[in-house]
Amino acid sequence: MNSRSIRILMSGLLLALAISALFAVSASASPAWMFSGVELKGKETEVTMGFGVKSSLTVPSAPVECEHFLYKMKISDSGGVGKGEVTELPLFNCTTTAKECTVEAVVAEKLPWPAHLETIKGSNYLVIENIKISILYGGALCALSEVWIPVAGSAGALFENGPEAAAFNAASFSATKTGLKALGSPVQLEGLFPTEALEWHRGESLTVS
């Protein structure tokens, strides 16, 4: 092989390596939290809130709908990767369509729950892990009356920069390979949660990039 052929071969190999490295970086890149287009840096953290209206937990035999479904989360970026932990999850005015049943209480347990951002097929998702919610049903003729029903697992939400909201639904669960279960069966969480900052970045737009 002459010197010109060797140079061409080496150039091709270097180009291939550069392209491979570029794809590797792109594949491993994770989204970060941004306030007004500026990424959280170092040890900086922020407390945010997501507020959903008429969100629902489809529990087998006894679906629950809550008029007010809220979460508070502490967020940060570590090495350019968006992290977080859900510290509060109060649920209010919850009802069920199950015959003869009422909802006496819905309680989030074992907080905080860890969370992180992921990019999947070009879309950004918020994934919350180690979820545990207990539901107490009532009603003299309700088969689940006075028994705490645990809902456990993980939940993924599509984070939409336009409305600055996290959307939990069947599609977001499927994309993130997350899931909740109760009574041995799948539970679906539905709800759109617009977010806002509560501390240093109050009033600034929150996006994921």
Protein backbone atom coordinates (compact mmCIF):
# COMPACT_ATOMS: atom_id res chain seq x y z
CA MET A 1 0.00 0.00 0.00
CA ASN A 2 1.46 3.36 -1.02
CA SER A 3 1.70 6.41 1.25
CA ARG A 4 -1.30 8.14 -0.39
CA SER A 5 -3.53 5.12 0.22
CA ILE A 6 -2.36 4.96 3.83
CA ARG A 7 -3.19 8.65 4.33
CA ILE A 8 -6.67 8.15 2.88
CA LEU A 9 -7.23 5.09 5.07
CA MET A 10 -6.07 6.92 8.22
CA SER A 11 -8.26 9.93 7.42
CA GLY A 12 -11.26 7.63 7.02
CA LEU A 13 -10.55 5.89 10.32
CA LEU A 14 -10.17 9.19 12.18
CA LEU A 15 -13.43 10.46 10.70
CA ALA A 16 -15.22 7.26 11.72
CA LEU A 17 -13.85 7.55 15.26
CA ALA A 18 -14.95 11.18 15.50
CA ILE A 19 -18.46 10.32 14.33
CA SER A 20 -18.64 7.41 16.79
CA ALA A 21 -17.54 9.66 19.64
CA LEU A 22 -20.14 12.25 18.66
CA PHE A 23 -22.92 9.68 18.69
CA ALA A 24 -21.70 8.28 22.02
CA VAL A 25 -21.85 11.73 23.61
CA SER A 26 -25.30 12.36 22.15
CA ALA A 27 -26.59 9.01 23.35
CA SER A 28 -25.31 9.53 26.90
CA ALA A 29 -26.28 13.19 27.21
CA SER A 30 -28.99 13.86 29.77
CA PRO A 31 -31.26 16.87 30.09
CA ALA A 32 -30.75 19.51 32.77
CA TRP A 33 -33.02 21.94 34.62
CA MET A 34 -32.95 25.46 33.18
CA PHE A 35 -34.31 28.71 34.62
CA SER A 36 -34.75 31.45 32.02
CA GLY A 37 -32.36 29.48 29.81
CA VAL A 38 -29.59 29.19 32.45
CA GLU A 39 -28.67 25.78 33.88
CA LEU A 40 -28.55 25.22 37.63
CA LYS A 41 -24.87 24.99 38.58
CA GLY A 42 -22.75 23.42 41.29
CA LYS A 43 -24.55 23.04 44.61
CA GLU A 44 -27.42 25.33 43.61
CA THR A 45 -30.87 23.87 44.31
CA GLU A 46 -34.43 25.08 43.86
CA VAL A 47 -37.79 24.04 45.26
CA THR A 48 -40.54 23.69 42.67
CA MET A 49 -44.22 22.82 42.84
CA GLY A 50 -46.46 20.97 40.40
CA PHE A 51 -50.22 21.42 40.72
CA GLY A 52 -52.64 19.11 38.91
CA VAL A 53 -56.39 19.53 38.65
CA LYS A 54 -58.65 16.45 38.62
CA SER A 55 -55.81 13.98 38.47
CA SER A 56 -56.60 10.33 38.87
CA LEU A 57 -55.20 7.01 40.08
CA THR A 58 -56.90 4.10 38.34
CA VAL A 59 -56.73 1.46 41.09
CA PRO A 60 -58.23 -1.95 40.20
CA SER A 61 -61.93 -2.12 41.17
CA ALA A 62 -61.81 1.28 42.88
CA PRO A 63 -60.48 4.19 40.74
CA VAL A 64 -59.69 7.38 42.65
CA GLU A 65 -60.00 10.93 41.35
CA CYS A 66 -58.61 13.88 43.33
CA GLU A 67 -59.68 17.44 42.60
CA HIS A 68 -56.34 18.73 43.84
CA PHE A 69 -53.16 16.69 43.37
CA LEU A 70 -49.95 18.47 44.30
CA TYR A 71 -46.24 17.73 44.55
CA LYS A 72 -43.29 19.70 45.86
CA MET A 73 -39.83 18.79 44.59
CA LYS A 74 -36.27 19.90 45.34
CA ILE A 75 -34.25 19.98 42.12
CA SER A 76 -30.58 20.33 41.18
CA ASP A 77 -28.18 19.55 38.33
CA SER A 78 -25.27 17.19 38.91
CA GLY A 79 -22.70 16.96 36.13
CA GLY A 80 -25.22 18.43 33.70
CA VAL A 81 -27.88 15.88 34.66
CA GLY A 82 -31.18 17.01 36.15
CA LYS A 83 -31.91 15.40 39.53
CA GLY A 84 -34.60 15.87 42.13
CA GLU A 85 -36.55 14.47 45.04
CA VAL A 86 -40.26 14.73 45.75
CA THR A 87 -40.58 15.98 49.33
CA GLU A 88 -44.35 16.50 49.61
CA LEU A 89 -47.41 15.05 47.89
CA PRO A 90 -50.70 16.19 49.45
CA LEU A 91 -53.93 15.04 47.75
CA PHE A 92 -57.29 16.71 48.41
CA ASN A 93 -61.00 16.06 47.77
CA CYS A 94 -60.52 12.49 46.56
CA THR A 95 -63.49 10.34 45.52
CA THR A 96 -64.12 6.95 43.95
CA THR A 97 -66.70 5.61 41.52
CA ALA A 98 -66.54 2.16 43.16
CA LYS A 99 -70.01 1.05 44.27
CA GLU A 100 -70.73 1.53 47.98
CA CYS A 101 -67.23 2.95 48.59
CA THR A 102 -65.86 6.29 49.72
CA VAL A 103 -62.28 7.55 50.04
CA GLU A 104 -61.35 8.36 53.63
CA ALA A 105 -57.69 9.21 53.05
CA VAL A 106 -54.91 9.20 50.44
CA VAL A 107 -51.42 9.47 51.95
CA ALA A 108 -47.95 9.68 50.39
CA GLU A 109 -45.42 7.61 52.37
CA LYS A 110 -41.66 7.10 52.65
CA LEU A 111 -40.81 10.53 51.26
CA PRO A 112 -38.60 11.86 49.76
CA TRP A 113 -38.85 9.98 46.46
CA PRO A 114 -35.82 10.30 44.13
CA ALA A 115 -36.34 11.71 40.64
CA HIS A 116 -34.27 12.36 37.53
CA LEU A 117 -34.58 13.63 33.97
CA GLU A 118 -34.21 11.44 30.89
CA THR A 119 -34.20 12.10 27.16
CA ILE A 120 -35.96 9.36 25.18
CA LYS A 121 -36.30 9.58 21.39
CA GLY A 122 -35.82 13.35 21.47
CA SER A 123 -38.37 14.04 24.24
CA ASN A 124 -37.57 14.93 27.86
CA TYR A 125 -39.11 13.05 30.76
CA LEU A 126 -39.26 13.38 34.53
CA VAL A 127 -39.01 9.97 36.23
CA ILE A 128 -40.03 9.59 39.89
CA GLU A 129 -38.99 6.41 41.71
CA ASN A 130 -39.78 4.60 44.98
CA ILE A 131 -43.35 5.90 45.00
CA LYS A 132 -45.65 4.70 47.76
CA ILE A 133 -49.20 6.01 48.17
CA SER A 134 -51.70 4.42 50.55
CA ILE A 135 -55.45 4.70 50.04
CA LEU A 136 -58.01 4.11 52.78
CA TYR A 137 -61.53 3.34 51.56
CA GLY A 138 -64.70 3.53 53.63
CA GLY A 139 -68.33 2.47 53.41
CA ALA A 140 -70.25 -0.20 55.32
CA LEU A 141 -70.83 -2.26 52.16
CA CYS A 142 -67.47 -1.53 50.47
CA ALA A 143 -65.32 -4.64 49.97
CA LEU A 144 -62.16 -2.58 50.57
CA SER A 145 -63.50 -0.68 53.59
CA GLU A 146 -61.02 0.19 56.36
CA VAL A 147 -58.11 -1.52 54.60
CA TRP A 148 -55.09 0.53 53.55
CA ILE A 149 -54.37 -0.20 49.86
CA PRO A 150 -50.73 0.52 48.89
CA VAL A 151 -49.89 1.89 45.44
CA ALA A 152 -46.17 1.47 44.70
CA GLY A 153 -43.66 1.73 41.87
CA SER A 154 -42.32 4.49 39.62
CA ALA A 155 -43.89 7.05 37.30
CA GLY A 156 -42.61 8.88 34.22
CA ALA A 157 -43.99 12.17 32.92
CA LEU A 158 -43.35 13.96 29.63
CA PHE A 159 -41.93 17.40 30.50
CA GLU A 160 -43.25 20.01 28.07
CA ASN A 161 -41.27 23.26 27.97
CA GLY A 162 -44.08 25.31 26.40
CA PRO A 163 -46.59 25.00 29.24
CA GLU A 164 -43.76 24.22 31.72
CA ALA A 165 -45.66 21.13 32.80
CA ALA A 166 -45.18 17.44 33.55
CA ALA A 167 -47.78 15.20 31.90
CA PHE A 168 -48.39 11.76 33.44
CA ASN A 169 -50.32 9.30 31.26
CA ALA A 170 -50.16 5.84 29.70
CA ALA A 171 -47.87 7.03 26.90
CA SER A 172 -45.35 8.59 29.31
CA PHE A 173 -45.33 5.41 31.43
CA SER A 174 -44.68 3.29 28.35
CA ALA A 175 -41.87 5.55 27.07
CA THR A 176 -40.05 5.56 30.43
CA LYS A 177 -40.77 1.88 31.20
CA THR A 178 -42.23 2.87 34.56
CA GLY A 179 -45.28 1.52 36.33
CA LEU A 180 -47.40 1.56 39.49
CA LYS A 181 -49.20 -1.41 41.03
CA ALA A 182 -51.89 -2.04 43.63
CA LEU A 183 -53.51 -5.33 44.62
CA GLY A 184 -51.13 -7.04 42.19
CA SER A 185 -52.46 -5.14 39.15
CA PRO A 186 -51.27 -2.09 37.18
CA VAL A 187 -52.35 1.37 38.32
CA GLN A 188 -52.48 4.31 35.90
CA LEU A 189 -51.72 7.87 36.95
CA GLU A 190 -53.24 10.60 34.78
CA GLY A 191 -52.64 14.31 35.22
CA LEU A 192 -50.99 17.47 33.89
CA PHE A 193 -48.89 19.33 36.45
CA PRO A 194 -47.83 22.91 35.58
CA THR A 195 -44.68 23.73 37.56
CA GLU A 196 -43.29 26.85 39.19
CA ALA A 197 -40.28 27.80 41.32
CA LEU A 198 -40.87 28.70 44.96
CA GLU A 199 -37.50 30.12 46.02
CA TRP A 200 -34.62 31.92 44.30
CA HIS A 201 -35.98 31.50 40.78
CA ARG A 202 -39.59 32.41 41.52
CA GLY A 203 -41.23 33.88 38.45
CA GLU A 204 -38.61 32.54 36.03
CA SER A 205 -39.48 30.06 33.30
CA LEU A 206 -38.55 26.46 34.13
CA THR A 207 -37.53 24.32 31.14
CA VAL A 208 -35.62 21.12 30.49
CA SER A 209 -32.85 20.99 27.89
